[in-house]
Amino acid sequence: MALPPKSAPVWQKLASGGMKKLRTSNLGAQMLSQRLELSKLPITQKADEVYDFFVKWERGLTNEIAQLGSL
């Protein structure tokens, strides 16, 4: 499954608490979720960071990417 474009609303959903809804055993995704929760950055910057993370680690996040449509 291909990643949604950077402009897709799913990235802002993930950045504003949606990462917690993902069922993941990926340690990097878990750490990103916790860091975003504590971050004071604007949602748009958080969304960019989430998107960049998924682009970089796309091969290892197939389970998480499959869940994006249900958020």
Protein backbone atom coordinates (compact mmCIF):
# COMPACT_ATOMS: atom_id res chain seq x y z
CA MET A 1 0.00 0.00 0.00
CA ALA A 2 1.30 3.42 -0.95
CA LEU A 3 1.64 6.29 1.47
CA PRO A 4 -0.96 9.06 1.22
CA PRO A 5 0.39 12.36 -0.13
CA LYS A 6 1.91 14.81 2.32
CA SER A 7 -1.19 17.02 1.99
CA ALA A 8 -3.54 14.22 3.15
CA PRO A 9 -5.38 14.95 6.44
CA VAL A 10 -4.23 11.63 7.92
CA TRP A 11 -0.84 13.12 8.81
CA GLN A 12 -2.42 15.86 10.93
CA LYS A 13 -4.67 13.26 12.57
CA LEU A 14 -1.60 11.20 13.48
CA ALA A 15 0.22 14.30 14.73
CA SER A 16 -2.68 15.31 16.98
CA GLY A 17 -2.98 12.07 18.92
CA GLY A 18 -3.70 9.52 16.21
CA MET A 19 -0.33 7.84 16.66
CA LYS A 20 -1.67 6.39 19.91
CA LYS A 21 -4.45 4.67 17.98
CA LEU A 22 -2.03 2.76 15.76
CA ARG A 23 -1.38 -0.83 16.74
CA THR A 24 2.38 -1.06 16.36
CA SER A 25 5.28 -3.07 17.64
CA ASN A 26 7.72 -0.70 15.90
CA LEU A 27 9.85 0.90 18.61
CA GLY A 28 10.58 3.98 16.49
CA ALA A 29 6.88 4.64 15.94
CA GLN A 30 6.20 4.21 19.66
CA MET A 31 8.97 6.64 20.56
CA LEU A 32 7.76 9.16 17.96
CA SER A 33 4.24 8.93 19.40
CA GLN A 34 5.48 9.72 22.90
CA ARG A 35 7.71 12.55 21.73
CA LEU A 36 4.89 14.16 19.74
CA GLU A 37 2.64 13.97 22.76
CA LEU A 38 5.12 15.98 24.81
CA SER A 39 6.10 18.37 22.02
CA LYS A 40 4.88 21.95 21.96
CA LEU A 41 5.40 22.31 18.20
CA PRO A 42 2.46 23.34 16.02
CA ILE A 43 0.41 20.49 14.53
CA THR A 44 1.66 21.28 11.02
CA GLN A 45 5.27 20.74 12.06
CA LYS A 46 4.35 17.56 13.90
CA ALA A 47 2.50 16.33 10.80
CA ASP A 48 5.57 17.00 8.66
CA GLU A 49 7.68 15.01 11.09
CA VAL A 50 5.24 12.07 11.07
CA TYR A 51 5.15 12.09 7.28
CA ASP A 52 8.96 12.20 7.05
CA PHE A 53 9.20 9.29 9.51
CA PHE A 54 6.81 7.17 7.46
CA VAL A 55 8.63 8.00 4.22
CA LYS A 56 12.01 7.09 5.71
CA TRP A 57 10.86 3.82 7.33
CA GLU A 58 8.12 2.86 4.85
CA ARG A 59 9.50 -0.65 4.29
CA GLY A 60 9.28 -1.53 7.97
CA LEU A 61 5.91 0.10 8.61
CA THR A 62 3.64 -1.95 6.33
CA ASN A 63 1.31 -2.86 9.22
CA GLU A 64 1.04 0.75 10.34
CA ILE A 65 0.52 2.03 6.79
CA ALA A 66 -2.31 -0.46 6.31
CA GLN A 67 -4.04 1.11 9.33
CA LEU A 68 -3.90 4.68 8.00
CA GLY A 69 -7.16 4.33 6.11
CA SER A 70 -9.08 3.58 9.30
CA LEU A 71 -8.01 6.76 11.14
